[in-house]
PDB file of N, CA and C in Angstrom:
ATOM      1  N   UNK A   1     -21.595 -20.766 -38.358  1.00  0.00           N
ATOM      2  CA  UNK A   1     -20.584 -19.741 -38.376  1.00  0.00           C
ATOM      3  C   UNK A   1     -19.297 -20.326 -38.960  1.00  0.00           C
ATOM      4  N   UNK A   2     -18.763 -19.696 -39.944  1.00  0.00           N
ATOM      5  CA  UNK A   2     -17.559 -20.191 -40.600  1.00  0.00           C
ATOM      6  C   UNK A   2     -16.341 -20.051 -39.708  1.00  0.00           C
ATOM      7  N   UNK A   3     -15.559 -21.101 -39.646  1.00  0.00           N
ATOM      8  CA  UNK A   3     -14.288 -21.121 -38.912  1.00  0.00           C
ATOM      9  C   UNK A   3     -14.422 -20.857 -37.429  1.00  0.00           C
ATOM     10  N   UNK A   4     -15.608 -20.937 -36.874  1.00  0.00           N
ATOM     11  CA  UNK A   4     -15.796 -20.783 -35.435  1.00  0.00           C
ATOM     12  C   UNK A   4     -15.596 -19.375 -34.925  1.00  0.00           C
ATOM     13  N   UNK A   5     -15.783 -18.380 -35.759  1.00  0.00           N
ATOM     14  CA  UNK A   5     -15.588 -16.994 -35.330  1.00  0.00           C
ATOM     15  C   UNK A   5     -16.596 -16.654 -34.238  1.00  0.00           C
ATOM     16  N   UNK A   6     -16.111 -16.077 -33.162  1.00  0.00           N
ATOM     17  CA  UNK A   6     -16.964 -15.655 -32.067  1.00  0.00           C
ATOM     18  C   UNK A   6     -17.240 -16.745 -31.051  1.00  0.00           C
ATOM     19  N   UNK A   7     -16.654 -17.927 -31.228  1.00  0.00           N
ATOM     20  CA  UNK A   7     -16.912 -19.024 -30.307  1.00  0.00           C
ATOM     21  C   UNK A   7     -16.057 -18.941 -29.044  1.00  0.00           C
ATOM     22  N   UNK A   8     -14.879 -18.410 -29.150  1.00  0.00           N
ATOM     23  CA  UNK A   8     -13.968 -18.330 -28.007  1.00  0.00           C
ATOM     24  C   UNK A   8     -13.876 -16.900 -27.512  1.00  0.00           C
ATOM     25  N   UNK A   9     -14.960 -16.415 -26.945  1.00  0.00           N
ATOM     26  CA  UNK A   9     -15.018 -15.022 -26.506  1.00  0.00           C
ATOM     27  C   UNK A   9     -14.821 -14.878 -25.003  1.00  0.00           C
ATOM     28  N   UNK A  10     -14.300 -15.911 -24.334  1.00  0.00           N
ATOM     29  CA  UNK A  10     -14.093 -15.821 -22.900  1.00  0.00           C
ATOM     30  C   UNK A  10     -12.887 -14.948 -22.597  1.00  0.00           C
ATOM     31  N   UNK A  11     -12.916 -14.339 -21.406  1.00  0.00           N
ATOM     32  CA  UNK A  11     -11.770 -13.546 -20.965  1.00  0.00           C
ATOM     33  C   UNK A  11     -10.584 -14.462 -20.722  1.00  0.00           C
ATOM     34  N   UNK A  12      -9.393 -13.979 -21.022  1.00  0.00           N
ATOM     35  CA  UNK A  12      -8.210 -14.781 -20.786  1.00  0.00           C
ATOM     36  C   UNK A  12      -7.877 -14.799 -19.301  1.00  0.00           C
ATOM     37  N   UNK A  13      -7.201 -15.857 -18.902  1.00  0.00           N
ATOM     38  CA  UNK A  13      -6.808 -16.025 -17.511  1.00  0.00           C
ATOM     39  C   UNK A  13      -5.539 -15.228 -17.251  1.00  0.00           C
ATOM     40  N   UNK A  14      -5.412 -14.646 -16.060  1.00  0.00           N
ATOM     41  CA  UNK A  14      -4.256 -13.818 -15.715  1.00  0.00           C
ATOM     42  C   UNK A  14      -3.024 -14.654 -15.393  1.00  0.00           C
ATOM     43  N   UNK A  15      -3.164 -15.969 -15.305  1.00  0.00           N
ATOM     44  CA  UNK A  15      -2.022 -16.823 -15.006  1.00  0.00           C
ATOM     45  C   UNK A  15      -1.817 -16.975 -13.516  1.00  0.00           C
ATOM     46  N   UNK A  16      -0.741 -17.672 -13.123  1.00  0.00           N
ATOM     47  CA  UNK A  16      -0.521 -17.909 -11.691  1.00  0.00           C
ATOM     48  C   UNK A  16      -0.066 -16.647 -10.958  1.00  0.00           C
ATOM     49  N   UNK A  17      -0.444 -16.573  -9.694  1.00  0.00           N
ATOM     50  CA  UNK A  17       0.005 -15.471  -8.846  1.00  0.00           C
ATOM     51  C   UNK A  17       1.419 -15.762  -8.363  1.00  0.00           C
ATOM     52  N   UNK A  18       2.267 -14.780  -8.373  1.00  0.00           N
ATOM     53  CA  UNK A  18       3.659 -14.947  -7.970  1.00  0.00           C
ATOM     54  C   UNK A  18       3.912 -14.184  -6.676  1.00  0.00           C
ATOM     55  N   UNK A  19       4.717 -14.780  -5.784  1.00  0.00           N
ATOM     56  CA  UNK A  19       5.061 -14.143  -4.523  1.00  0.00           C
ATOM     57  C   UNK A  19       4.483 -14.902  -3.350  1.00  0.00           C
ATOM     58  N   UNK A  20       4.784 -14.418  -2.164  1.00  0.00           N
ATOM     59  CA  UNK A  20       4.310 -15.030  -0.928  1.00  0.00           C
ATOM     60  C   UNK A  20       2.858 -14.630  -0.702  1.00  0.00           C
ATOM     61  N   UNK A  21       1.977 -15.622  -0.562  1.00  0.00           N
ATOM     62  CA  UNK A  21       0.549 -15.360  -0.402  1.00  0.00           C
ATOM     63  C   UNK A  21       0.108 -15.652   1.024  1.00  0.00           C
ATOM     64  N   UNK A  22      -0.729 -14.743   1.559  1.00  0.00           N
ATOM     65  CA  UNK A  22      -1.286 -14.923   2.903  1.00  0.00           C
ATOM     66  C   UNK A  22      -2.764 -14.589   2.858  1.00  0.00           C
ATOM     67  N   UNK A  23      -3.574 -15.417   3.511  1.00  0.00           N
ATOM     68  CA  UNK A  23      -4.982 -15.087   3.658  1.00  0.00           C
ATOM     69  C   UNK A  23      -5.102 -13.973   4.681  1.00  0.00           C
ATOM     70  N   UNK A  24      -5.978 -13.021   4.417  1.00  0.00           N
ATOM     71  CA  UNK A  24      -6.129 -11.871   5.299  1.00  0.00           C
ATOM     72  C   UNK A  24      -7.606 -11.576   5.522  1.00  0.00           C
ATOM     73  N   UNK A  25      -7.863 -10.771   6.537  1.00  0.00           N
ATOM     74  CA  UNK A  25      -9.182 -10.176   6.749  1.00  0.00           C
ATOM     75  C   UNK A  25      -9.065  -8.721   6.316  1.00  0.00           C
ATOM     76  N   UNK A  26     -10.060  -8.237   5.599  1.00  0.00           N
ATOM     77  CA  UNK A  26      -9.978  -6.878   5.074  1.00  0.00           C
ATOM     78  C   UNK A  26     -11.292  -6.138   5.323  1.00  0.00           C
ATOM     79  N   UNK A  27     -11.170  -4.948   5.910  1.00  0.00           N
ATOM     80  CA  UNK A  27     -12.327  -4.072   6.075  1.00  0.00           C
ATOM     81  C   UNK A  27     -12.389  -3.189   4.839  1.00  0.00           C
ATOM     82  N   UNK A  28     -13.578  -3.092   4.226  1.00  0.00           N
ATOM     83  CA  UNK A  28     -13.725  -2.357   2.972  1.00  0.00           C
ATOM     84  C   UNK A  28     -14.869  -1.371   3.032  1.00  0.00           C
ATOM     85  N   UNK A  29     -14.815  -0.459   2.102  1.00  0.00           N
ATOM     86  CA  UNK A  29     -15.913   0.453   1.878  1.00  0.00           C
ATOM     87  C   UNK A  29     -16.454   0.148   0.489  1.00  0.00           C
ATOM     88  N   UNK A  30     -17.747  -0.147   0.403  1.00  0.00           N
ATOM     89  CA  UNK A  30     -18.404  -0.396  -0.867  1.00  0.00           C
ATOM     90  C   UNK A  30     -19.229   0.844  -1.213  1.00  0.00           C
ATOM     91  N   UNK A  31     -18.929   1.452  -2.356  1.00  0.00           N
ATOM     92  CA  UNK A  31     -19.664   2.646  -2.752  1.00  0.00           C
ATOM     93  C   UNK A  31     -21.025   2.255  -3.331  1.00  0.00           C
ATOM     94  N   UNK A  32     -21.870   3.237  -3.568  1.00  0.00           N
ATOM     95  CA  UNK A  32     -23.197   2.978  -4.139  1.00  0.00           C
ATOM     96  C   UNK A  32     -23.103   2.465  -5.573  1.00  0.00           C
ATOM     97  N   UNK A  33     -21.962   2.692  -6.223  1.00  0.00           N
ATOM     98  CA  UNK A  33     -21.769   2.212  -7.590  1.00  0.00           C
ATOM     99  C   UNK A  33     -21.090   0.847  -7.632  1.00  0.00           C
ATOM    100  N   UNK A  34     -20.759   0.292  -6.466  1.00  0.00           N
ATOM    101  CA  UNK A  34     -20.164  -1.042  -6.418  1.00  0.00           C
ATOM    102  C   UNK A  34     -18.647  -1.065  -6.352  1.00  0.00           C
ATOM    103  N   UNK A  35     -18.003   0.088  -6.318  1.00  0.00           N
ATOM    104  CA  UNK A  35     -16.548   0.130  -6.207  1.00  0.00           C
ATOM    105  C   UNK A  35     -16.142  -0.284  -4.791  1.00  0.00           C
ATOM    106  N   UNK A  36     -15.083  -1.086  -4.689  1.00  0.00           N
ATOM    107  CA  UNK A  36     -14.604  -1.585  -3.398  1.00  0.00           C
ATOM    108  C   UNK A  36     -13.286  -0.891  -3.063  1.00  0.00           C
ATOM    109  N   UNK A  37     -13.207  -0.321  -1.852  1.00  0.00           N
ATOM    110  CA  UNK A  37     -11.977   0.333  -1.407  1.00  0.00           C
ATOM    111  C   UNK A  37     -11.519  -0.305  -0.099  1.00  0.00           C
ATOM    112  N   UNK A  38     -10.324  -0.939  -0.082  1.00  0.00           N
ATOM    113  CA  UNK A  38      -9.802  -1.509   1.163  1.00  0.00           C
ATOM    114  C   UNK A  38      -9.426  -0.399   2.144  1.00  0.00           C
ATOM    115  N   UNK A  39      -9.860  -0.534   3.395  1.00  0.00           N
ATOM    116  CA  UNK A  39      -9.569   0.466   4.429  1.00  0.00           C
ATOM    117  C   UNK A  39      -8.551  -0.023   5.449  1.00  0.00           C
ATOM    118  N   UNK A  40      -8.648  -1.301   5.835  1.00  0.00           N
ATOM    119  CA  UNK A  40      -7.786  -1.860   6.874  1.00  0.00           C
ATOM    120  C   UNK A  40      -7.686  -3.359   6.635  1.00  0.00           C
ATOM    121  N   UNK A  41      -6.563  -3.947   7.014  1.00  0.00           N
ATOM    122  CA  UNK A  41      -6.456  -5.398   6.923  1.00  0.00           C
ATOM    123  C   UNK A  41      -5.769  -5.966   8.150  1.00  0.00           C
ATOM    124  N   UNK A  42      -6.052  -7.241   8.404  1.00  0.00           N
ATOM    125  CA  UNK A  42      -5.437  -7.966   9.514  1.00  0.00           C
ATOM    126  C   UNK A  42      -4.870  -9.262   8.970  1.00  0.00           C
ATOM    127  N   UNK A  43      -3.658  -9.595   9.452  1.00  0.00           N
ATOM    128  CA  UNK A  43      -3.016 -10.828   9.048  1.00  0.00           C
ATOM    129  C   UNK A  43      -2.228 -11.399  10.206  1.00  0.00           C
ATOM    130  N   UNK A  44      -1.966 -12.686  10.119  1.00  0.00           N
ATOM    131  CA  UNK A  44      -1.214 -13.365  11.170  1.00  0.00           C
ATOM    132  C   UNK A  44       0.258 -13.385  10.765  1.00  0.00           C
ATOM    133  N   UNK A  45       1.143 -12.940  11.678  1.00  0.00           N
ATOM    134  CA  UNK A  45       2.574 -12.916  11.374  1.00  0.00           C
ATOM    135  C   UNK A  45       3.211 -14.269  11.675  1.00  0.00           C
ATOM    136  N   UNK A  46       4.527 -14.345  11.505  1.00  0.00           N
ATOM    137  CA  UNK A  46       5.275 -15.592  11.698  1.00  0.00           C
ATOM    138  C   UNK A  46       5.188 -16.111  13.132  1.00  0.00           C
ATOM    139  N   UNK A  47       4.961 -15.217  14.103  1.00  0.00           N
ATOM    140  CA  UNK A  47       4.869 -15.599  15.512  1.00  0.00           C
ATOM    141  C   UNK A  47       3.440 -15.962  15.921  1.00  0.00           C
ATOM    142  N   UNK A  48       2.500 -15.928  14.977  1.00  0.00           N
ATOM    143  CA  UNK A  48       1.114 -16.248  15.279  1.00  0.00           C
ATOM    144  C   UNK A  48       0.305 -15.076  15.805  1.00  0.00           C
ATOM    145  N   UNK A  49       0.912 -13.893  15.863  1.00  0.00           N
ATOM    146  CA  UNK A  49       0.217 -12.704  16.354  1.00  0.00           C
ATOM    147  C   UNK A  49      -0.544 -12.038  15.206  1.00  0.00           C
ATOM    148  N   UNK A  50      -1.688 -11.442  15.532  1.00  0.00           N
ATOM    149  CA  UNK A  50      -2.494 -10.733  14.544  1.00  0.00           C
ATOM    150  C   UNK A  50      -1.976  -9.307  14.408  1.00  0.00           C
ATOM    151  N   UNK A  51      -1.599  -8.940  13.188  1.00  0.00           N
ATOM    152  CA  UNK A  51      -1.116  -7.596  12.892  1.00  0.00           C
ATOM    153  C   UNK A  51      -2.213  -6.820  12.166  1.00  0.00           C
ATOM    154  N   UNK A  52      -2.370  -5.553  12.516  1.00  0.00           N
ATOM    155  CA  UNK A  52      -3.354  -4.676  11.885  1.00  0.00           C
ATOM    156  C   UNK A  52      -2.624  -3.644  11.042  1.00  0.00           C
ATOM    157  N   UNK A  53      -3.058  -3.493   9.803  1.00  0.00           N
ATOM    158  CA  UNK A  53      -2.476  -2.495   8.901  1.00  0.00           C
ATOM    159  C   UNK A  53      -3.589  -1.536   8.517  1.00  0.00           C
ATOM    160  N   UNK A  54      -3.406  -0.275   8.910  1.00  0.00           N
ATOM    161  CA  UNK A  54      -4.414   0.747   8.626  1.00  0.00           C
ATOM    162  C   UNK A  54      -3.986   1.695   7.512  1.00  0.00           C
ATOM    163  N   UNK A  55      -2.690   1.765   7.250  1.00  0.00           N
ATOM    164  CA  UNK A  55      -2.207   2.669   6.212  1.00  0.00           C
ATOM    165  C   UNK A  55      -2.055   1.904   4.907  1.00  0.00           C
ATOM    166  N   UNK A  56      -3.033   2.108   4.021  1.00  0.00           N
ATOM    167  CA  UNK A  56      -3.059   1.442   2.721  1.00  0.00           C
ATOM    168  C   UNK A  56      -3.200   2.510   1.651  1.00  0.00           C
ATOM    169  N   UNK A  57      -2.241   2.577   0.750  1.00  0.00           N
ATOM    170  CA  UNK A  57      -2.321   3.495  -0.393  1.00  0.00           C
ATOM    171  C   UNK A  57      -2.537   2.650  -1.645  1.00  0.00           C
ATOM    172  N   UNK A  58      -3.726   2.753  -2.228  1.00  0.00           N
ATOM    173  CA  UNK A  58      -4.044   1.992  -3.439  1.00  0.00           C
ATOM    174  C   UNK A  58      -3.608   2.807  -4.653  1.00  0.00           C
ATOM    175  N   UNK A  59      -2.726   2.213  -5.463  1.00  0.00           N
ATOM    176  CA  UNK A  59      -2.221   2.893  -6.659  1.00  0.00           C
ATOM    177  C   UNK A  59      -3.095   2.599  -7.875  1.00  0.00           C
ATOM    178  N   UNK A  60      -3.580   1.358  -7.962  1.00  0.00           N
ATOM    179  CA  UNK A  60      -4.445   0.982  -9.082  1.00  0.00           C
ATOM    180  C   UNK A  60      -5.225  -0.267  -8.716  1.00  0.00           C
ATOM    181  N   UNK A  61      -6.276  -0.520  -9.482  1.00  0.00           N
ATOM    182  CA  UNK A  61      -7.040  -1.744  -9.316  1.00  0.00           C
ATOM    183  C   UNK A  61      -7.425  -2.239 -10.699  1.00  0.00           C
ATOM    184  N   UNK A  62      -7.529  -3.572 -10.818  1.00  0.00           N
ATOM    185  CA  UNK A  62      -7.819  -4.165 -12.112  1.00  0.00           C
ATOM    186  C   UNK A  62      -8.609  -5.452 -11.922  1.00  0.00           C
ATOM    187  N   UNK A  63      -9.641  -5.630 -12.723  1.00  0.00           N
ATOM    188  CA  UNK A  63     -10.396  -6.876 -12.685  1.00  0.00           C
ATOM    189  C   UNK A  63      -9.612  -7.933 -13.452  1.00  0.00           C
ATOM    190  N   UNK A  64      -9.487  -9.132 -12.856  1.00  0.00           N
ATOM    191  CA  UNK A  64      -8.733 -10.222 -13.472  1.00  0.00           C
ATOM    192  C   UNK A  64      -9.448 -11.537 -13.252  1.00  0.00           C
ATOM    193  N   UNK A  65      -8.962 -12.551 -13.936  1.00  0.00           N
ATOM    194  CA  UNK A  65      -9.446 -13.922 -13.758  1.00  0.00           C
ATOM    195  C   UNK A  65      -8.247 -14.775 -13.370  1.00  0.00           C
ATOM    196  N   UNK A  66      -8.327 -15.466 -12.227  1.00  0.00           N
ATOM    197  CA  UNK A  66      -7.296 -16.404 -11.804  1.00  0.00           C
ATOM    198  C   UNK A  66      -7.932 -17.783 -11.717  1.00  0.00           C
ATOM    199  N   UNK A  67      -7.462 -18.722 -12.534  1.00  0.00           N
ATOM    200  CA  UNK A  67      -8.001 -20.079 -12.593  1.00  0.00           C
ATOM    201  C   UNK A  67      -9.511 -20.041 -12.832  1.00  0.00           C
ATOM    202  N   UNK A  68      -9.957 -19.111 -13.649  1.00  0.00           N
ATOM    203  CA  UNK A  68     -11.364 -18.983 -13.978  1.00  0.00           C
ATOM    204  C   UNK A  68     -12.211 -18.298 -12.925  1.00  0.00           C
ATOM    205  N   UNK A  69     -11.585 -17.805 -11.867  1.00  0.00           N
ATOM    206  CA  UNK A  69     -12.315 -17.162 -10.773  1.00  0.00           C
ATOM    207  C   UNK A  69     -12.194 -15.641 -10.931  1.00  0.00           C
ATOM    208  N   UNK A  70     -13.317 -14.920 -11.005  1.00  0.00           N
ATOM    209  CA  UNK A  70     -13.234 -13.467 -11.131  1.00  0.00           C
ATOM    210  C   UNK A  70     -12.675 -12.833  -9.859  1.00  0.00           C
ATOM    211  N   UNK A  71     -11.784 -11.876 -10.049  1.00  0.00           N
ATOM    212  CA  UNK A  71     -11.158 -11.229  -8.901  1.00  0.00           C
ATOM    213  C   UNK A  71     -10.840  -9.780  -9.231  1.00  0.00           C
ATOM    214  N   UNK A  72     -10.526  -9.035  -8.185  1.00  0.00           N
ATOM    215  CA  UNK A  72     -10.072  -7.659  -8.332  1.00  0.00           C
ATOM    216  C   UNK A  72      -8.707  -7.581  -7.670  1.00  0.00           C
ATOM    217  N   UNK A  73      -7.713  -7.110  -8.412  1.00  0.00           N
ATOM    218  CA  UNK A  73      -6.346  -7.016  -7.908  1.00  0.00           C
ATOM    219  C   UNK A  73      -6.003  -5.549  -7.650  1.00  0.00           C
ATOM    220  N   UNK A  74      -5.538  -5.270  -6.444  1.00  0.00           N
ATOM    221  CA  UNK A  74      -5.171  -3.914  -6.030  1.00  0.00           C
ATOM    222  C   UNK A  74      -3.656  -3.833  -5.877  1.00  0.00           C
ATOM    223  N   UNK A  75      -3.037  -2.894  -6.558  1.00  0.00           N
ATOM    224  CA  UNK A  75      -1.609  -2.614  -6.392  1.00  0.00           C
ATOM    225  C   UNK A  75      -1.512  -1.559  -5.294  1.00  0.00           C
ATOM    226  N   UNK A  76      -0.846  -1.900  -4.179  1.00  0.00           N
ATOM    227  CA  UNK A  76      -0.856  -1.040  -2.986  1.00  0.00           C
ATOM    228  C   UNK A  76       0.531  -0.853  -2.388  1.00  0.00           C
ATOM    229  N   UNK A  77       0.627   0.166  -1.567  1.00  0.00           N
ATOM    230  CA  UNK A  77       1.748   0.325  -0.644  1.00  0.00           C
ATOM    231  C   UNK A  77       1.160   0.257   0.756  1.00  0.00           C
ATOM    232  N   UNK A  78       1.706  -0.641   1.567  1.00  0.00           N
ATOM    233  CA  UNK A  78       1.249  -0.841   2.944  1.00  0.00           C
ATOM    234  C   UNK A  78       2.328  -0.390   3.900  1.00  0.00           C
ATOM    235  N   UNK A  79       1.935   0.195   5.024  1.00  0.00           N
ATOM    236  CA  UNK A  79       2.892   0.561   6.065  1.00  0.00           C
ATOM    237  C   UNK A  79       2.783  -0.495   7.158  1.00  0.00           C
ATOM    238  N   UNK A  80       3.840  -1.315   7.290  1.00  0.00           N
ATOM    239  CA  UNK A  80       3.897  -2.381   8.290  1.00  0.00           C
ATOM    240  C   UNK A  80       5.030  -2.050   9.255  1.00  0.00           C
ATOM    241  N   UNK A  81       4.676  -1.667  10.471  1.00  0.00           N
ATOM    242  CA  UNK A  81       5.699  -1.219  11.421  1.00  0.00           C
ATOM    243  C   UNK A  81       6.255   0.103  10.936  1.00  0.00           C
ATOM    244  N   UNK A  82       7.563   0.142  10.706  1.00  0.00           N
ATOM    245  CA  UNK A  82       8.207   1.353  10.186  1.00  0.00           C
ATOM    246  C   UNK A  82       8.598   1.200   8.725  1.00  0.00           C
ATOM    247  N   UNK A  83       8.096   0.140   8.066  1.00  0.00           N
ATOM    248  CA  UNK A  83       8.481  -0.126   6.676  1.00  0.00           C
ATOM    249  C   UNK A  83       7.298   0.071   5.730  1.00  0.00           C
ATOM    250  N   UNK A  84       7.618   0.543   4.539  1.00  0.00           N
ATOM    251  CA  UNK A  84       6.623   0.603   3.472  1.00  0.00           C
ATOM    252  C   UNK A  84       6.859  -0.581   2.555  1.00  0.00           C
ATOM    253  N   UNK A  85       5.786  -1.318   2.265  1.00  0.00           N
ATOM    254  CA  UNK A  85       5.907  -2.520   1.451  1.00  0.00           C
ATOM    255  C   UNK A  85       4.956  -2.402   0.269  1.00  0.00           C
ATOM    256  N   UNK A  86       5.487  -2.639  -0.916  1.00  0.00           N
ATOM    257  CA  UNK A  86       4.652  -2.688  -2.119  1.00  0.00           C
ATOM    258  C   UNK A  86       4.081  -4.093  -2.202  1.00  0.00           C
ATOM    259  N   UNK A  87       2.790  -4.214  -2.317  1.00  0.00           N
ATOM    260  CA  UNK A  87       2.141  -5.519  -2.315  1.00  0.00           C
ATOM    261  C   UNK A  87       0.881  -5.459  -3.167  1.00  0.00           C
ATOM    262  N   UNK A  88       0.292  -6.630  -3.361  1.00  0.00           N
ATOM    263  CA  UNK A  88      -0.980  -6.723  -4.066  1.00  0.00           C
ATOM    264  C   UNK A  88      -2.009  -7.323  -3.129  1.00  0.00           C
ATOM    265  N   UNK A  89      -3.198  -6.772  -3.173  1.00  0.00           N
ATOM    266  CA  UNK A  89      -4.346  -7.350  -2.486  1.00  0.00           C
ATOM    267  C   UNK A  89      -5.248  -7.912  -3.572  1.00  0.00           C
ATOM    268  N   UNK A  90      -5.700  -9.135  -3.386  1.00  0.00           N
ATOM    269  CA  UNK A  90      -6.583  -9.757  -4.371  1.00  0.00           C
ATOM    270  C   UNK A  90      -7.871 -10.154  -3.665  1.00  0.00           C
ATOM    271  N   UNK A  91      -8.983  -9.712  -4.240  1.00  0.00           N
ATOM    272  CA  UNK A  91     -10.305 -10.048  -3.710  1.00  0.00           C
ATOM    273  C   UNK A  91     -10.971 -11.014  -4.677  1.00  0.00           C
ATOM    274  N   UNK A  92     -11.215 -12.248  -4.205  1.00  0.00           N
ATOM    275  CA  UNK A  92     -11.921 -13.245  -4.996  1.00  0.00           C
ATOM    276  C   UNK A  92     -13.415 -13.042  -4.767  1.00  0.00           C
ATOM    277  N   UNK A  93     -14.094 -12.561  -5.783  1.00  0.00           N
ATOM    278  CA  UNK A  93     -15.482 -12.140  -5.649  1.00  0.00           C
ATOM    279  C   UNK A  93     -16.430 -13.291  -5.326  1.00  0.00           C
ATOM    280  N   UNK A  94     -16.280 -14.430  -5.974  1.00  0.00           N
ATOM    281  CA  UNK A  94     -17.229 -15.522  -5.751  1.00  0.00           C
ATOM    282  C   UNK A  94     -17.075 -16.147  -4.371  1.00  0.00           C
ATOM    283  N   UNK A  95     -15.863 -16.120  -3.797  1.00  0.00           N
ATOM    284  CA  UNK A  95     -15.633 -16.667  -2.462  1.00  0.00           C
ATOM    285  C   UNK A  95     -15.681 -15.616  -1.364  1.00  0.00           C
ATOM    286  N   UNK A  96     -15.734 -14.332  -1.731  1.00  0.00           N
ATOM    287  CA  UNK A  96     -15.651 -13.221  -0.768  1.00  0.00           C
ATOM    288  C   UNK A  96     -14.428 -13.395   0.125  1.00  0.00           C
ATOM    289  N   UNK A  97     -13.285 -13.635  -0.501  1.00  0.00           N
ATOM    290  CA  UNK A  97     -12.046 -13.914   0.225  1.00  0.00           C
ATOM    291  C   UNK A  97     -10.934 -12.989  -0.276  1.00  0.00           C
ATOM    292  N   UNK A  98     -10.071 -12.576   0.655  1.00  0.00           N
ATOM    293  CA  UNK A  98      -8.947 -11.691   0.341  1.00  0.00           C
ATOM    294  C   UNK A  98      -7.632 -12.426   0.563  1.00  0.00           C
ATOM    295  N   UNK A  99      -6.624 -12.107  -0.277  1.00  0.00           N
ATOM    296  CA  UNK A  99      -5.258 -12.558  -0.022  1.00  0.00           C
ATOM    297  C   UNK A  99      -4.311 -11.370  -0.229  1.00  0.00           C
ATOM    298  N   UNK A 100      -3.179 -11.441   0.467  1.00  0.00           N
ATOM    299  CA  UNK A 100      -2.104 -10.466   0.336  1.00  0.00           C
ATOM    300  C   UNK A 100      -0.957 -11.167  -0.378  1.00  0.00           C
ATOM    301  N   UNK A 101      -0.426 -10.544  -1.403  1.00  0.00           N
ATOM    302  CA  UNK A 101       0.714 -11.100  -2.122  1.00  0.00           C
ATOM    303  C   UNK A 101       1.889 -10.151  -1.984  1.00  0.00           C
ATOM    304  N   UNK A 102       2.951 -10.640  -1.344  1.00  0.00           N
ATOM    305  CA  UNK A 102       4.177  -9.867  -1.208  1.00  0.00           C
ATOM    306  C   UNK A 102       5.199 -10.435  -2.168  1.00  0.00           C
ATOM    307  N   UNK A 103       5.998  -9.573  -2.798  1.00  0.00           N
ATOM    308  CA  UNK A 103       7.034 -10.072  -3.695  1.00  0.00           C
ATOM    309  C   UNK A 103       7.985 -11.009  -2.958  1.00  0.00           C
ATOM    310  N   UNK A 104       8.463 -12.027  -3.668  1.00  0.00           N
ATOM    311  CA  UNK A 104       9.419 -12.966  -3.070  1.00  0.00           C
ATOM    312  C   UNK A 104      10.687 -12.211  -2.686  1.00  0.00           C
ATOM    313  N   UNK A 105      11.169 -12.459  -1.459  1.00  0.00           N
ATOM    314  CA  UNK A 105      12.357 -11.722  -1.006  1.00  0.00           C
ATOM    315  C   UNK A 105      13.622 -12.431  -1.321  1.00  0.00           C
TER     316      UNK A 105
END
């Protein structure tokens, strides 16, 4: 193949994640077509207490690659206490692990 055309066909990396990251537990609904919808999440707060968030509004989702790891990024609004917080949920498919990313305050 002349000039290496078609040799670098890998997906580009999304780059580093920005903001405060926390590992979370997430309850999901998997549809018959493989779509994943977050229903509820649990995270540990600064005092070590487990907080449950049931109000999740997903605005969009996008498949991405972070450090070569396939993931799905969800742009969401979460209701935590009496506050609405815009955040991202990231699901790392190969590790079956979720993280919550809140914008740096």
